[in-house]
Amino acid sequence: MRKAFIRVMSLLIIALFLAACGNATPESQLSEINELLSKNYEMTKEQQRDIAAFTDAGKKLMQEGKTAEASEKLAEALKILHGARDTHVLNKSE
């Protein structure tokens, strides 16, 4: 019984780790960026400029075949967009 519990917990931890790491490709990240941008969440001009800069850099890196670097830049844009989305949700609930 104890071994079964440990085995199940180990599998759960591995599954959570894999989900957290994700297997997002730059293409899927761009798709998510476009989806979030279409929601028109309230953002500062600086946030909008940063998103544009990270997205442009990510696209350029994709064209150069630098997938990992592109993914990092696009992740920065997504971080800002996720923050804007979360702020919108929190303000909506008040």
Protein backbone atom coordinates (compact mmCIF):
# COMPACT_ATOMS: atom_id res chain seq x y z
CA MET A 1 0.00 0.00 0.00
CA ARG A 2 2.76 2.43 0.92
CA LYS A 3 4.69 1.64 -2.27
CA ALA A 4 1.59 2.25 -4.36
CA PHE A 5 1.04 5.60 -2.65
CA ILE A 6 4.65 6.63 -3.26
CA ARG A 7 4.42 5.54 -6.90
CA VAL A 8 1.22 7.54 -7.44
CA MET A 9 2.67 10.61 -5.75
CA SER A 10 5.84 10.33 -7.83
CA LEU A 11 3.82 10.17 -11.04
CA LEU A 12 1.76 13.15 -9.92
CA ILE A 13 4.88 15.19 -9.19
CA ILE A 14 6.35 14.30 -12.58
CA ALA A 15 3.10 15.24 -14.33
CA LEU A 16 2.96 18.58 -12.52
CA PHE A 17 6.58 19.28 -13.39
CA LEU A 18 6.01 18.53 -17.06
CA ALA A 19 2.90 20.70 -17.11
CA ALA A 20 4.79 23.57 -15.49
CA CYS A 21 7.63 23.32 -17.97
CA GLY A 22 5.18 23.19 -20.80
CA ASN A 23 5.94 22.37 -24.36
CA ALA A 24 5.03 25.73 -25.78
CA THR A 25 6.47 26.45 -29.17
CA PRO A 26 7.10 29.99 -30.35
CA GLU A 27 4.20 29.52 -32.76
CA SER A 28 1.81 28.59 -29.97
CA GLN A 29 3.12 31.49 -27.89
CA LEU A 30 2.46 33.90 -30.77
CA SER A 31 -1.04 32.51 -31.07
CA GLU A 32 -1.65 33.09 -27.36
CA ILE A 33 -0.20 36.61 -27.60
CA ASN A 34 -2.57 37.44 -30.46
CA GLU A 35 -5.52 35.97 -28.56
CA LEU A 36 -4.75 37.99 -25.43
CA LEU A 37 -4.15 41.17 -27.43
CA SER A 38 -7.57 40.77 -29.06
CA LYS A 39 -9.16 40.99 -25.59
CA ASN A 40 -8.00 44.64 -25.32
CA TYR A 41 -7.03 44.43 -21.67
CA GLU A 42 -6.11 47.76 -20.13
CA MET A 43 -2.35 48.33 -20.22
CA THR A 44 0.03 51.24 -19.93
CA LYS A 45 1.82 52.60 -23.00
CA GLU A 46 5.05 51.18 -21.59
CA GLN A 47 3.53 47.70 -21.31
CA GLN A 48 2.23 47.95 -24.87
CA ARG A 49 5.68 49.01 -26.12
CA ASP A 50 7.36 46.20 -24.19
CA ILE A 51 4.97 43.61 -25.60
CA ALA A 52 5.59 44.88 -29.13
CA ALA A 53 9.36 44.85 -28.60
CA PHE A 54 9.42 41.33 -27.13
CA THR A 55 7.10 40.04 -29.85
CA ASP A 56 9.14 41.63 -32.64
CA ALA A 57 12.36 40.26 -31.18
CA GLY A 58 10.78 36.81 -30.85
CA LYS A 59 9.62 36.83 -34.47
CA LYS A 60 13.08 37.91 -35.66
CA LEU A 61 14.73 35.13 -33.65
CA MET A 62 12.25 32.63 -35.08
CA GLN A 63 13.24 33.67 -38.61
CA GLU A 64 16.89 33.14 -37.66
CA GLY A 65 16.07 29.64 -36.41
CA LYS A 66 16.82 30.50 -32.78
CA THR A 67 13.78 28.78 -31.32
CA ALA A 68 14.82 28.73 -27.66
CA GLU A 69 15.74 32.41 -27.65
CA ALA A 70 12.53 33.29 -29.49
CA SER A 71 10.51 31.39 -26.92
CA GLU A 72 12.18 33.34 -24.10
CA LYS A 73 11.33 36.71 -25.67
CA LEU A 74 7.74 35.65 -26.35
CA ALA A 75 7.44 34.38 -22.78
CA GLU A 76 8.30 37.90 -21.58
CA ALA A 77 5.47 39.33 -23.68
CA LEU A 78 3.13 36.69 -22.32
CA LYS A 79 4.13 37.51 -18.75
CA ILE A 80 2.98 41.11 -19.27
CA LEU A 81 -0.22 40.02 -20.99
CA HIS A 82 -1.03 37.49 -18.27
CA GLY A 83 -0.57 40.24 -15.70
CA ALA A 84 -2.97 42.50 -17.60
CA ARG A 85 -5.48 39.66 -17.86
CA ASP A 86 -5.21 38.85 -14.16
CA THR A 87 -5.64 42.52 -13.23
CA HIS A 88 -8.73 42.67 -15.41
CA VAL A 89 -10.20 39.60 -13.72
CA LEU A 90 -9.44 40.94 -10.23
CA ASN A 91 -10.93 44.35 -11.01
CA LYS A 92 -14.00 42.72 -12.50
CA SER A 93 -14.64 40.74 -9.31
CA GLU A 94 -14.63 43.85 -7.11
